[in-house]
Amino acid sequence: MEKTQYSKLLSEIVRVDIVITMGCNVNCPAIPCEYREDWGLSDPTGKNDVEFSKGIHSIHTKILKLTEKIKKDELISKKI
């Protein structure tokens, strides 16, 4: 992945339908999208494996919930 993935300029990012930001006390750039959601996760940097596992579990749970919302067409447009 390190060989094929690289940081991109905002102008290089194709238009997307859904943007999920993680929180982590980081300001994310405004990427144009139809729907945006911030999951407000804590930054696990410097924390133990238990805290990383909690973050992984939280992301997994949120992905499953988002998937259900998409399947049920329940996303409310938050255009940015």
Protein backbone atom coordinates (compact mmCIF):
# COMPACT_ATOMS: atom_id res chain seq x y z
CA MET A 1 0.00 0.00 0.00
CA GLU A 2 2.86 2.39 0.76
CA LYS A 3 3.97 2.10 -2.85
CA THR A 4 0.57 2.94 -4.36
CA GLN A 5 -0.94 5.34 -1.82
CA TYR A 6 0.27 8.89 -1.30
CA SER A 7 -0.95 12.20 0.11
CA LYS A 8 -3.09 14.06 -2.37
CA LEU A 9 -3.97 17.67 -2.90
CA LEU A 10 -7.63 18.45 -2.25
CA SER A 11 -7.97 19.25 -5.95
CA GLU A 12 -6.90 15.67 -6.76
CA ILE A 13 -9.65 14.03 -4.71
CA VAL A 14 -12.58 12.95 -6.83
CA ARG A 15 -16.11 13.96 -5.79
CA VAL A 16 -17.44 11.56 -3.16
CA ASP A 17 -20.89 10.87 -1.75
CA ILE A 18 -19.92 10.19 1.87
CA VAL A 19 -17.12 11.61 4.02
CA ILE A 20 -16.42 10.20 7.46
CA THR A 21 -14.02 12.08 9.70
CA MET A 22 -12.63 10.41 12.79
CA GLY A 23 -12.37 13.32 15.18
CA CYS A 24 -9.17 12.71 17.13
CA ASN A 25 -8.93 16.46 17.83
CA VAL A 26 -7.79 17.05 14.25
CA ASN A 27 -9.29 19.62 11.89
CA CYS A 28 -10.11 17.97 8.59
CA PRO A 29 -10.33 19.89 5.34
CA ALA A 30 -13.77 20.48 3.87
CA ILE A 31 -14.11 17.87 1.14
CA PRO A 32 -17.21 18.35 -1.02
CA CYS A 33 -19.71 15.56 -0.42
CA GLU A 34 -23.40 14.74 -0.17
CA TYR A 35 -23.19 13.43 3.41
CA ARG A 36 -20.68 14.04 6.20
CA GLU A 37 -20.37 12.43 9.60
CA ASP A 38 -17.75 12.90 12.33
CA TRP A 39 -17.25 9.91 14.58
CA GLY A 40 -15.47 11.87 17.32
CA LEU A 41 -12.94 9.20 18.20
CA SER A 42 -10.15 9.78 20.68
CA ASP A 43 -6.61 9.83 19.32
CA PRO A 44 -5.02 6.50 20.35
CA THR A 45 -1.45 7.73 19.86
CA GLY A 46 0.70 6.67 22.80
CA LYS A 47 -2.04 4.56 24.38
CA ASN A 48 -1.96 0.87 25.15
CA ASP A 49 -3.33 -2.00 23.05
CA VAL A 50 -6.60 -2.05 24.98
CA GLU A 51 -7.33 1.53 23.90
CA PHE A 52 -6.44 0.70 20.29
CA SER A 53 -8.80 -2.31 20.46
CA LYS A 54 -11.58 -0.08 21.79
CA GLY A 55 -11.05 2.28 18.85
CA ILE A 56 -11.09 -0.60 16.37
CA HIS A 57 -14.31 -1.94 17.88
CA SER A 58 -15.90 1.51 17.79
CA ILE A 59 -15.00 2.00 14.12
CA HIS A 60 -16.31 -1.48 13.26
CA THR A 61 -19.62 -0.78 15.03
CA LYS A 62 -19.99 2.61 13.32
CA ILE A 63 -19.27 1.08 9.90
CA LEU A 64 -22.00 -1.50 10.44
CA LYS A 65 -24.48 1.22 11.48
CA LEU A 66 -23.54 3.39 8.49
CA THR A 67 -23.96 0.39 6.18
CA GLU A 68 -27.48 -0.17 7.52
CA LYS A 69 -28.35 3.52 7.05
CA ILE A 70 -27.14 3.33 3.44
CA LYS A 71 -29.11 0.13 2.76
CA LYS A 72 -32.27 1.70 4.21
CA ASP A 73 -31.66 5.00 2.39
CA GLU A 74 -31.69 6.82 5.73
CA LEU A 75 -28.81 9.23 5.17
CA ILE A 76 -29.90 12.83 5.49
CA SER A 77 -27.97 15.00 3.07
CA LYS A 78 -25.40 17.24 4.77
CA LYS A 79 -23.88 18.83 1.69
CA ILE A 80 -20.52 20.50 2.08
